[in-house]
Protein backbone atom coordinates (compact mmCIF):
# COMPACT_ATOMS: atom_id res chain seq x y z
CA MET A 1 -14.56 11.69 -14.55
CA SER A 2 -12.02 9.66 -16.49
CA PRO A 3 -8.89 8.27 -14.84
CA THR A 4 -5.62 10.15 -14.75
CA VAL A 5 -2.52 8.01 -15.27
CA ARG A 6 0.91 8.94 -13.94
CA PRO A 7 4.22 7.27 -13.06
CA ALA A 8 4.18 5.51 -9.68
CA ALA A 9 6.40 6.76 -6.87
CA PRO A 10 7.51 5.22 -3.57
CA ALA A 11 4.88 7.35 -1.84
CA ASP A 12 2.17 5.37 -3.70
CA MET A 13 3.28 2.01 -2.38
CA GLY A 14 1.08 2.14 0.74
CA ALA A 15 -2.03 2.34 -1.45
CA VAL A 16 -0.56 -0.22 -3.88
CA ALA A 17 0.21 -2.64 -1.03
CA GLY A 18 -3.32 -2.19 0.34
CA LEU A 19 -4.99 -3.02 -2.98
CA TYR A 20 -2.64 -5.87 -3.76
CA GLY A 21 -2.87 -7.22 -0.20
CA ARG A 22 -6.65 -7.47 -0.46
CA GLU A 23 -6.25 -9.43 -3.69
CA VAL A 24 -3.64 -11.71 -2.11
CA THR A 25 -5.80 -12.55 0.91
CA GLY A 26 -9.27 -12.55 -0.64
CA GLY A 27 -8.87 -12.96 -4.37
CA THR A 28 -7.19 -15.10 -6.98
CA ALA A 29 -5.62 -12.54 -9.33
CA SER A 30 -2.37 -13.10 -7.44
CA PHE A 31 -0.94 -16.48 -6.52
CA GLU A 32 0.95 -15.03 -3.56
CA LEU A 33 -0.40 -16.19 -0.20
CA GLU A 34 1.04 -13.52 2.13
CA PRO A 35 0.49 -9.81 1.40
CA PRO A 36 3.73 -7.90 0.85
CA THR A 37 4.47 -4.80 2.92
CA PRO A 38 4.71 -1.29 1.46
CA ALA A 39 8.50 -1.63 1.80
CA GLU A 40 8.45 -4.82 -0.29
CA MET A 41 6.23 -3.15 -2.89
CA THR A 42 8.70 -0.23 -3.00
CA ALA A 43 11.51 -2.72 -3.67
CA ARG A 44 9.42 -4.23 -6.49
CA LEU A 45 8.76 -0.76 -7.93
CA LEU A 46 12.47 0.03 -7.92
CA ALA A 47 13.27 -3.33 -9.56
CA VAL A 48 10.82 -2.55 -12.39
CA LEU A 49 12.24 0.94 -12.87
CA ASP A 50 15.79 -0.47 -12.77
CA LYS A 51 14.91 -2.54 -15.85
CA GLY A 52 13.87 0.64 -17.66
CA LEU A 53 10.20 -0.39 -17.50
CA ARG A 54 7.08 1.48 -16.38
CA TRP A 55 4.95 1.28 -13.24
CA LEU A 56 1.87 3.48 -13.40
CA VAL A 57 -0.83 4.62 -10.99
CA ALA A 58 -4.36 5.70 -11.93
CA GLU A 59 -6.40 8.22 -10.01
CA ILE A 60 -10.00 9.34 -10.27
CA ASP A 61 -10.74 12.76 -8.78
CA GLY A 62 -7.31 12.66 -7.15
CA ALA A 63 -7.97 9.37 -5.35
CA PHE A 64 -5.97 6.17 -5.94
CA ALA A 65 -7.91 3.91 -8.34
CA GLY A 66 -5.39 1.25 -9.37
CA TYR A 67 -1.96 0.48 -10.72
CA ALA A 68 -0.22 -1.47 -13.45
CA TYR A 69 3.32 -2.28 -14.43
CA LEU A 70 5.49 -4.05 -16.96
CA SER A 71 8.02 -6.67 -15.90
CA PRO A 72 10.38 -8.88 -17.89
CA PHE A 73 8.54 -11.86 -19.37
CA ARG A 74 11.41 -14.27 -18.58
CA PRO A 75 14.97 -13.70 -17.32
CA ARG A 76 16.88 -15.30 -20.22
CA ALA A 77 18.47 -12.92 -22.74
CA ALA A 78 16.52 -14.15 -25.77
CA TYR A 79 13.29 -13.02 -24.07
CA ARG A 80 14.51 -9.41 -23.76
CA TYR A 81 11.86 -8.14 -26.20
CA GLY A 82 8.89 -9.42 -24.21
CA VAL A 83 7.23 -8.01 -21.11
CA GLU A 84 4.42 -9.14 -18.86
CA VAL A 85 1.71 -6.69 -17.85
CA SER A 86 0.03 -6.73 -14.43
CA VAL A 87 -3.02 -4.61 -13.60
CA TYR A 88 -4.94 -4.15 -10.34
CA VAL A 89 -7.98 -1.89 -9.92
CA GLU A 90 -9.77 -0.85 -6.75
CA GLU A 91 -13.17 -2.54 -6.56
CA ALA A 92 -15.01 0.79 -6.20
CA THR A 93 -13.53 2.09 -9.47
CA ARG A 94 -13.98 -0.99 -11.66
CA GLY A 95 -15.92 -0.36 -14.85
CA ARG A 96 -14.73 3.27 -15.05
CA GLY A 97 -11.93 2.79 -17.58
CA VAL A 98 -9.08 2.50 -15.09
CA ALA A 99 -7.65 -0.77 -16.40
CA ARG A 100 -8.02 0.36 -20.03
CA ALA A 101 -6.23 3.66 -19.34
CA LEU A 102 -3.37 1.90 -17.52
CA MET A 103 -3.04 -0.84 -20.14
CA THR A 104 -3.12 1.60 -23.07
CA ALA A 105 -0.35 3.69 -21.51
CA LEU A 106 1.79 0.60 -20.88
CA ILE A 107 1.26 -0.78 -24.39
CA ASP A 108 2.29 2.60 -25.81
CA ALA A 109 5.41 2.57 -23.60
CA ALA A 110 6.32 -0.95 -24.75
CA ARG A 111 6.00 0.16 -28.39
CA GLU A 112 8.18 3.21 -27.74
CA MET A 113 10.81 0.95 -26.20
CA GLY A 114 10.93 -1.18 -29.34
CA LEU A 115 9.60 -4.27 -27.56
CA ARG A 116 7.87 -7.06 -29.43
CA HIS A 117 5.39 -8.78 -27.11
CA VAL A 118 3.20 -7.87 -24.15
CA ILE A 119 2.10 -10.98 -22.27
CA ALA A 120 -0.74 -11.28 -19.75
CA ALA A 121 -1.38 -14.16 -17.35
CA ILE A 122 -4.99 -13.92 -16.18
CA SER A 123 -5.89 -16.22 -13.33
CA GLN A 124 -9.36 -17.62 -12.87
CA SER A 125 -11.43 -15.23 -10.75
CA ALA A 126 -14.75 -13.45 -10.52
CA THR A 127 -13.38 -10.77 -12.84
CA SER A 128 -11.33 -12.90 -15.24
CA ASP A 129 -13.98 -12.84 -17.99
CA ALA A 130 -13.99 -9.03 -17.93
CA SER A 131 -10.19 -8.97 -17.90
CA ILE A 132 -9.97 -11.34 -20.86
CA ALA A 133 -12.52 -9.21 -22.75
CA LEU A 134 -10.51 -6.05 -22.01
CA HIS A 135 -7.30 -7.65 -23.23
CA ARG A 136 -9.04 -8.87 -26.41
CA SER A 137 -10.36 -5.35 -27.06
CA LEU A 138 -6.77 -4.08 -26.87
CA GLY A 139 -5.58 -6.59 -29.47
CA PHE A 140 -4.39 -9.47 -27.28
CA GLY A 141 -5.05 -13.01 -28.45
CA THR A 142 -5.25 -16.14 -26.35
CA ALA A 143 -1.93 -17.99 -26.35
CA GLY A 144 -3.07 -20.87 -24.16
CA VAL A 145 -4.40 -21.94 -20.80
CA TYR A 146 -2.54 -23.48 -17.90
CA ARG A 147 -5.14 -25.82 -16.40
CA GLN A 148 -5.38 -26.17 -12.62
CA VAL A 149 -1.89 -24.71 -12.17
CA GLY A 150 -2.48 -22.79 -8.92
CA TRP A 151 -3.92 -23.96 -5.60
CA LYS A 152 -5.52 -21.15 -3.60
CA HIS A 153 -8.59 -20.85 -1.37
CA ASP A 154 -8.99 -24.63 -1.38
CA ARG A 155 -9.37 -24.97 -5.14
CA TRP A 156 -7.36 -25.37 -8.32
CA LEU A 157 -7.17 -22.34 -10.59
CA ASP A 158 -6.54 -21.98 -14.32
CA VAL A 159 -4.44 -19.21 -15.86
CA THR A 160 -5.25 -17.86 -19.33
CA LEU A 161 -2.21 -16.62 -21.23
CA MET A 162 -2.75 -13.76 -23.64
CA GLN A 163 -0.27 -12.09 -25.97
CA LEU A 164 -0.13 -8.83 -27.89
CA ASP A 165 2.31 -8.83 -30.81
CA LEU A 166 3.60 -5.28 -31.28
CA SER A 167 5.42 -6.22 -34.50
CA PRO A 168 3.33 -8.84 -36.30
CA ASP A 169 5.43 -8.47 -39.47
CA GLY A 170 8.24 -10.34 -37.69
CA ALA A 171 10.86 -7.72 -38.52
CA PRO A 172 14.18 -7.94 -36.66
CA PRO A 173 14.51 -5.76 -33.55
CA THR A 174 15.70 -2.20 -33.98
CA ARG A 175 16.76 -1.70 -30.35
CA GLU A 176 18.66 -3.60 -27.67
CA GLY A 177 15.68 -4.82 -25.63
CA LEU A 178 15.48 -5.05 -21.85
CA ARG A 179 18.30 -5.06 -19.35
CA LEU A 180 17.88 -8.53 -17.84
CA GLY A 181 19.52 -10.21 -14.85
CA GLY A 182 19.15 -9.49 -11.12
CA GLY A 183 16.18 -7.66 -9.59
CA LEU A 184 12.87 -9.32 -10.37
CA ALA A 185 12.38 -13.02 -9.91
């Protein structure tokens, strides 16, 4: 069965914190070192929603399969047309279209909001090649690589930066962009 995508709610943050916590402690997709609590993840959800952005959850057969969200790319006002996308998928549901469904929905939302760029920062991991391939298939191009920028699990990690230009003609914005300031760091 294909994934179902819906808006995240505070009630989802236990499952979100569980998935993210496993990545924090055992993986390299996050550079955090201590897993956040469900309460902290709820605060992060509310900060994303406060910016007018989307946080989505995917389910397969009614079971939590992953989540993704948009956050401001940078806090300065001139960056108000760019967002960063973050995607996390349960190991048991990888390869079933969860990340693609979440990403497609978020890209569509960014377009609807009149945004210009969707940025991804993909850290070196066992799944980074698959993640880079997924992003490429959705139209992202490589913008650069931060070499050995993160130290985790006793090794240096690279981060590949990818960018999707939603308005490659370079036309001026037609909307106000994001509400920046406060909330997310």
